[in-house]
PDB file of N, CA and C in Angstrom:
ATOM      1  N   LYS A   1     188.924  42.197 -97.678  1.00  0.00           N
ATOM      2  CA  LYS A   1     189.246  43.565 -98.020  1.00  0.00           C
ATOM      3  C   LYS A   1     189.543  44.562 -96.924  1.00  0.00           C
ATOM      4  N   GLN A   2     188.516  44.464 -95.986  1.00  0.00           N
ATOM      5  CA  GLN A   2     188.686  45.157 -94.575  1.00  0.00           C
ATOM      6  C   GLN A   2     189.932  45.105 -93.966  1.00  0.00           C
ATOM      7  N   GLY A   3     190.308  43.653 -93.947  1.00  0.00           N
ATOM      8  CA  GLY A   3     191.558  43.235 -92.734  1.00  0.00           C
ATOM      9  C   GLY A   3     192.761  43.762 -93.532  1.00  0.00           C
ATOM     10  N   ALA A   4     192.703  43.876 -94.789  1.00  0.00           N
ATOM     11  CA  ALA A   4     194.001  44.243 -95.806  1.00  0.00           C
ATOM     12  C   ALA A   4     193.767  45.773 -95.371  1.00  0.00           C
ATOM     13  N   GLY A   5     193.019  46.402 -95.418  1.00  0.00           N
ATOM     14  CA  GLY A   5     193.018  47.771 -95.375  1.00  0.00           C
ATOM     15  C   GLY A   5     193.544  48.039 -93.759  1.00  0.00           C
ATOM     16  N   ARG A   6     192.912  47.420 -93.089  1.00  0.00           N
ATOM     17  CA  ARG A   6     193.415  47.519 -91.401  1.00  0.00           C
ATOM     18  C   ARG A   6     195.163  47.491 -91.166  1.00  0.00           C
ATOM     19  N   LEU A   7     195.493  46.443 -91.952  1.00  0.00           N
ATOM     20  CA  LEU A   7     196.900  46.232 -91.589  1.00  0.00           C
ATOM     21  C   LEU A   7     197.953  47.155 -92.698  1.00  0.00           C
ATOM     22  N   ILE A   8     197.194  47.370 -93.769  1.00  0.00           N
ATOM     23  CA  ILE A   8     198.154  48.206 -94.541  1.00  0.00           C
ATOM     24  C   ILE A   8     197.376  49.496 -94.644  1.00  0.00           C
ATOM     25  N   ARG A   9     198.020  50.561 -94.062  1.00  0.00           N
ATOM     26  CA  ARG A   9     197.107  51.960 -94.136  1.00  0.00           C
ATOM     27  C   ARG A   9     197.980  52.770 -95.134  1.00  0.00           C
ATOM     28  N   ARG A  10     199.492  52.764 -95.276  1.00  0.00           N
ATOM     29  CA  ARG A  10     200.167  53.957 -96.035  1.00  0.00           C
ATOM     30  C   ARG A  10     201.026  52.776 -96.751  1.00  0.00           C
ATOM     31  N   GLU A  11     201.478  53.421 -98.003  1.00  0.00           N
ATOM     32  CA  GLU A  11     202.327  52.831 -98.768  1.00  0.00           C
ATOM     33  C   GLU A  11     203.858  52.228 -98.175  1.00  0.00           C
ATOM     34  N   THR A  12     204.189  52.894 -97.025  1.00  0.00           N
ATOM     35  CA  THR A  12     205.398  52.505 -96.475  1.00  0.00           C
ATOM     36  C   THR A  12     205.137  51.367 -95.512  1.00  0.00           C
ATOM     37  N   ASP A  13     204.012  51.011 -95.157  1.00  0.00           N
ATOM     38  CA  ASP A  13     203.340  49.804 -94.160  1.00  0.00           C
ATOM     39  C   ASP A  13     203.906  48.748 -94.887  1.00  0.00           C
ATOM     40  N   ARG A  14     204.317  47.768 -93.995  1.00  0.00           N
ATOM     41  CA  ARG A  14     204.466  46.280 -94.345  1.00  0.00           C
ATOM     42  C   ARG A  14     203.998  45.412 -93.582  1.00  0.00           C
ATOM     43  N   GLY A  15     203.552  44.384 -94.123  1.00  0.00           N
ATOM     44  CA  GLY A  15     202.714  43.136 -93.481  1.00  0.00           C
ATOM     45  C   GLY A  15     202.544  41.948 -94.177  1.00  0.00           C
ATOM     46  N   ILE A  16     201.876  41.037 -93.367  1.00  0.00           N
ATOM     47  CA  ILE A  16     201.584  39.731 -94.054  1.00  0.00           C
ATOM     48  C   ILE A  16     199.832  39.612 -93.656  1.00  0.00           C
ATOM     49  N   LEU A  17     199.159  39.460 -94.602  1.00  0.00           N
ATOM     50  CA  LEU A  17     197.696  39.347 -94.464  1.00  0.00           C
ATOM     51  C   LEU A  17     197.825  37.852 -94.666  1.00  0.00           C
ATOM     52  N   VAL A  18     197.240  36.963 -93.548  1.00  0.00           N
ATOM     53  CA  VAL A  18     197.179  35.758 -93.812  1.00  0.00           C
ATOM     54  C   VAL A  18     195.564  35.345 -93.817  1.00  0.00           C
ATOM     55  N   VAL A  19     195.053  34.734 -94.881  1.00  0.00           N
ATOM     56  CA  VAL A  19     193.691  34.327 -95.050  1.00  0.00           C
ATOM     57  C   VAL A  19     193.578  32.611 -95.137  1.00  0.00           C
ATOM     58  N   CYS A  20     193.312  32.206 -94.048  1.00  0.00           N
ATOM     59  CA  CYS A  20     193.253  30.583 -93.839  1.00  0.00           C
ATOM     60  C   CYS A  20     191.870  29.972 -94.191  1.00  0.00           C
ATOM     61  N   ASP A  21     191.273  30.328 -95.111  1.00  0.00           N
ATOM     62  CA  ASP A  21     189.939  29.866 -95.725  1.00  0.00           C
ATOM     63  C   ASP A  21     190.259  29.396 -97.189  1.00  0.00           C
ATOM     64  N   THR A  22     190.134  27.971 -97.479  1.00  0.00           N
ATOM     65  CA  THR A  22     190.376  27.470 -98.606  1.00  0.00           C
ATOM     66  C   THR A  22     189.128  27.823 -99.660  1.00  0.00           C
ATOM     67  N   ARG A  23     188.188  28.286 -99.256  1.00  0.00           N
ATOM     68  CA  ARG A  23     187.138  28.578 -99.940  1.00  0.00           C
ATOM     69  C   ARG A  23     187.919  30.010-101.154  1.00  0.00           C
ATOM     70  N   LEU A  24     188.689  30.748-100.691  1.00  0.00           N
ATOM     71  CA  LEU A  24     188.989  31.725-101.579  1.00  0.00           C
ATOM     72  C   LEU A  24     189.825  31.230-102.660  1.00  0.00           C
ATOM     73  N   ALA A  25     190.393  30.126-102.539  1.00  0.00           N
ATOM     74  CA  ALA A  25     190.992  29.410-103.807  1.00  0.00           C
ATOM     75  C   ALA A  25     190.135  28.389-104.635  1.00  0.00           C
ATOM     76  N   LEU A  26     189.196  28.159-103.990  1.00  0.00           N
ATOM     77  CA  LEU A  26     188.311  26.857-104.788  1.00  0.00           C
ATOM     78  C   LEU A  26     187.162  27.520-105.093  1.00  0.00           C
ATOM     79  N   MET A  27     186.596  28.740-104.467  1.00  0.00           N
ATOM     80  CA  MET A  27     185.021  28.708-105.171  1.00  0.00           C
ATOM     81  C   MET A  27     185.204  30.228-105.754  1.00  0.00           C
ATOM     82  N   GLY A  28     184.265  30.273-106.699  1.00  0.00           N
ATOM     83  CA  GLY A  28     184.334  31.518-107.806  1.00  0.00           C
ATOM     84  C   GLY A  28     184.242  32.838-106.926  1.00  0.00           C
ATOM     85  N   TYR A  29     183.557  32.992-105.804  1.00  0.00           N
ATOM     86  CA  TYR A  29     183.289  34.134-105.193  1.00  0.00           C
ATOM     87  C   TYR A  29     184.549  34.337-104.428  1.00  0.00           C
ATOM     88  N   GLY A  30     185.311  33.391-104.072  1.00  0.00           N
ATOM     89  CA  GLY A  30     186.852  33.684-103.374  1.00  0.00           C
ATOM     90  C   GLY A  30     187.888  34.212-104.324  1.00  0.00           C
ATOM     91  N   ARG A  31     187.681  33.954-105.663  1.00  0.00           N
ATOM     92  CA  ARG A  31     188.221  34.691-106.598  1.00  0.00           C
ATOM     93  C   ARG A  31     188.166  35.985-106.889  1.00  0.00           C
ATOM     94  N   LYS A  32     186.779  36.093-106.715  1.00  0.00           N
ATOM     95  CA  LYS A  32     186.279  37.672-106.898  1.00  0.00           C
ATOM     96  C   LYS A  32     186.786  38.661-105.587  1.00  0.00           C
ATOM     97  N   LEU A  33     187.039  37.835-104.580  1.00  0.00           N
ATOM     98  CA  LEU A  33     187.330  38.741-103.214  1.00  0.00           C
ATOM     99  C   LEU A  33     188.730  38.767-103.276  1.00  0.00           C
ATOM    100  N   ILE A  34     189.756  38.126-103.961  1.00  0.00           N
ATOM    101  CA  ILE A  34     191.119  38.033-104.144  1.00  0.00           C
ATOM    102  C   ILE A  34     191.245  39.393-105.204  1.00  0.00           C
ATOM    103  N   ALA A  35     190.636  39.210-106.151  1.00  0.00           N
ATOM    104  CA  ALA A  35     190.435  40.498-107.128  1.00  0.00           C
ATOM    105  C   ALA A  35     190.381  41.757-106.579  1.00  0.00           C
ATOM    106  N   ALA A  36     189.635  41.970-105.573  1.00  0.00           N
ATOM    107  CA  ALA A  36     189.138  42.795-104.858  1.00  0.00           C
ATOM    108  C   ALA A  36     190.053  43.528-104.173  1.00  0.00           C
ATOM    109  N   LEU A  37     191.264  42.939-103.603  1.00  0.00           N
ATOM    110  CA  LEU A  37     192.151  43.285-102.810  1.00  0.00           C
ATOM    111  C   LEU A  37     193.062  43.988-103.509  1.00  0.00           C
ATOM    112  N   PRO A  38     193.722  44.890-102.733  1.00  0.00           N
ATOM    113  CA  PRO A  38     195.044  45.582-103.180  1.00  0.00           C
ATOM    114  C   PRO A  38     196.094  44.731-103.753  1.00  0.00           C
ATOM    115  N   PRO A  39     196.651  45.034-104.869  1.00  0.00           N
ATOM    116  CA  PRO A  39     197.773  44.336-105.348  1.00  0.00           C
ATOM    117  C   PRO A  39     198.821  43.811-104.056  1.00  0.00           C
ATOM    118  N   MET A  40     199.139  42.371-104.182  1.00  0.00           N
ATOM    119  CA  MET A  40     199.995  42.151-103.225  1.00  0.00           C
ATOM    120  C   MET A  40     200.695  40.780-103.848  1.00  0.00           C
ATOM    121  N   ARG A  41     201.692  40.539-103.356  1.00  0.00           N
ATOM    122  CA  ARG A  41     202.465  39.046-103.628  1.00  0.00           C
ATOM    123  C   ARG A  41     201.797  37.904-102.669  1.00  0.00           C
ATOM    124  N   LYS A  42     201.433  36.837-103.776  1.00  0.00           N
ATOM    125  CA  LYS A  42     201.249  35.722-102.973  1.00  0.00           C
ATOM    126  C   LYS A  42     202.354  34.860-102.604  1.00  0.00           C
ATOM    127  N   ILE A  43     202.128  34.289-101.277  1.00  0.00           N
ATOM    128  CA  ILE A  43     203.073  33.314-100.732  1.00  0.00           C
ATOM    129  C   ILE A  43     202.596  31.921-100.924  1.00  0.00           C
ATOM    130  N   ASN A  44     203.561  31.059-101.976  1.00  0.00           N
ATOM    131  CA  ASN A  44     202.989  29.583-102.060  1.00  0.00           C
ATOM    132  C   ASN A  44     203.815  28.533-101.633  1.00  0.00           C
ATOM    133  N   SER A  45     204.856  28.851-100.709  1.00  0.00           N
ATOM    134  CA  SER A  45     205.249  27.809-100.343  1.00  0.00           C
ATOM    135  C   SER A  45     205.798  28.218 -98.525  1.00  0.00           C
ATOM    136  N   LYS A  46     206.360  27.095 -97.671  1.00  0.00           N
ATOM    137  CA  LYS A  46     206.657  27.392 -96.497  1.00  0.00           C
ATOM    138  C   LYS A  46     208.006  28.155 -96.191  1.00  0.00           C
ATOM    139  N   GLU A  47     208.822  27.785 -97.570  1.00  0.00           N
ATOM    140  CA  GLU A  47     210.058  28.892 -97.654  1.00  0.00           C
ATOM    141  C   GLU A  47     209.967  30.173 -97.813  1.00  0.00           C
ATOM    142  N   GLU A  48     208.969  30.300 -98.780  1.00  0.00           N
ATOM    143  CA  GLU A  48     208.632  31.829 -98.984  1.00  0.00           C
ATOM    144  C   GLU A  48     207.867  32.429 -97.726  1.00  0.00           C
ATOM    145  N   TRP A  49     207.233  31.747 -96.955  1.00  0.00           N
ATOM    146  CA  TRP A  49     206.590  32.303 -95.862  1.00  0.00           C
ATOM    147  C   TRP A  49     207.856  32.791 -94.849  1.00  0.00           C
ATOM    148  N   SER A  50     208.640  31.731 -94.783  1.00  0.00           N
ATOM    149  CA  SER A  50     209.926  32.002 -93.707  1.00  0.00           C
ATOM    150  C   SER A  50     210.605  33.119 -94.370  1.00  0.00           C
ATOM    151  N   GLU A  51     210.955  33.207 -95.570  1.00  0.00           N
ATOM    152  CA  GLU A  51     211.835  34.535 -96.185  1.00  0.00           C
ATOM    153  C   GLU A  51     211.111  35.708 -95.881  1.00  0.00           C
ATOM    154  N   THR A  52     210.023  35.760 -96.166  1.00  0.00           N
ATOM    155  CA  THR A  52     209.201  37.275 -96.146  1.00  0.00           C
ATOM    156  C   THR A  52     208.907  37.513 -94.897  1.00  0.00           C
ATOM    157  N   LEU A  53     208.530  36.394 -93.546  1.00  0.00           N
ATOM    158  CA  LEU A  53     208.610  36.878 -92.321  1.00  0.00           C
ATOM    159  C   LEU A  53     209.916  37.568 -91.857  1.00  0.00           C
ATOM    160  N   ASN A  54     211.028  36.542 -92.353  1.00  0.00           N
ATOM    161  CA  ASN A  54     212.354  37.067 -91.611  1.00  0.00           C
ATOM    162  C   ASN A  54     212.641  38.460 -92.292  1.00  0.00           C
ATOM    163  N   ALA A  55     212.144  38.800 -93.597  1.00  0.00           N
ATOM    164  CA  ALA A  55     212.474  40.213 -93.933  1.00  0.00           C
ATOM    165  C   ALA A  55     211.815  41.300 -93.347  1.00  0.00           C
ATOM    166  N   LEU A  56     210.387  41.028 -92.831  1.00  0.00           N
ATOM    167  CA  LEU A  56     209.563  41.993 -91.959  1.00  0.00           C
ATOM    168  C   LEU A  56     210.170  42.196 -90.616  1.00  0.00           C
ATOM    169  N   THR A  57     210.711  41.018 -90.009  1.00  0.00           N
ATOM    170  CA  THR A  57     211.015  41.264 -88.568  1.00  0.00           C
ATOM    171  C   THR A  57     212.420  42.058 -88.323  1.00  0.00           C
ATOM    172  N   ARG A  58     212.141  42.901 -87.565  1.00  0.00           N
ATOM    173  CA  ARG A  58     213.426  43.779 -87.029  1.00  0.00           C
ATOM    174  C   ARG A  58     214.321  42.909 -86.012  1.00  0.00           C
ATOM    175  N   PRO A  59     215.409  43.342 -86.316  1.00  0.00           N
ATOM    176  CA  PRO A  59     216.300  42.366 -85.111  1.00  0.00           C
ATOM    177  C   PRO A  59     215.884  42.627 -83.761  1.00  0.00           C
ATOM    178  N   SER A  60     215.412  43.791 -83.240  1.00  0.00           N
ATOM    179  CA  SER A  60     215.275  44.010 -81.931  1.00  0.00           C
ATOM    180  C   SER A  60     213.952  43.160 -81.449  1.00  0.00           C
ATOM    181  N   THR A  61     213.001  42.406 -82.460  1.00  0.00           N
ATOM    182  CA  THR A  61     211.886  41.500 -81.949  1.00  0.00           C
ATOM    183  C   THR A  61     212.257  40.178 -82.102  1.00  0.00           C
ATOM    184  N   THR A  62     213.639  40.104 -82.373  1.00  0.00           N
ATOM    185  CA  THR A  62     214.125  38.657 -82.479  1.00  0.00           C
ATOM    186  C   THR A  62     215.231  38.446 -81.489  1.00  0.00           C
ATOM    187  N   ASP A  63     215.796  39.340 -80.985  1.00  0.00           N
ATOM    188  CA  ASP A  63     216.941  39.302 -79.835  1.00  0.00           C
ATOM    189  C   ASP A  63     216.475  38.827 -78.707  1.00  0.00           C
ATOM    190  N   PRO A  64     216.810  37.516 -78.316  1.00  0.00           N
ATOM    191  CA  PRO A  64     216.168  36.884 -76.736  1.00  0.00           C
ATOM    192  C   PRO A  64     216.812  37.737 -75.679  1.00  0.00           C
ATOM    193  N   THR A  65     217.976  38.614 -75.730  1.00  0.00           N
ATOM    194  CA  THR A  65     218.524  39.275 -74.806  1.00  0.00           C
ATOM    195  C   THR A  65     217.782  40.503 -74.273  1.00  0.00           C
ATOM    196  N   LEU A  66     216.539  40.807 -75.057  1.00  0.00           N
ATOM    197  CA  LEU A  66     215.916  42.054 -74.832  1.00  0.00           C
ATOM    198  C   LEU A  66     214.543  41.557 -74.127  1.00  0.00           C
ATOM    199  N   PHE A  67     214.302  40.202 -73.778  1.00  0.00           N
ATOM    200  CA  PHE A  67     213.166  39.938 -73.148  1.00  0.00           C
ATOM    201  C   PHE A  67     213.823  39.331 -71.852  1.00  0.00           C
TER     202      PHE A  67
END
């Protein structure tokens, strides 16, 4: 919950919170933790991940001529 609060401060902020701990999906206390987080969409596939990341990335951060 604290990580989500640090990533998303205002309603206009955007980002992806990645939790790489299978206990959130497998254990009862993990489901309680997820329920305590602010409302957010869950990404369930690599395709969704790519689409979401691309939607958040500004063209200036992907332009190789700028580096």
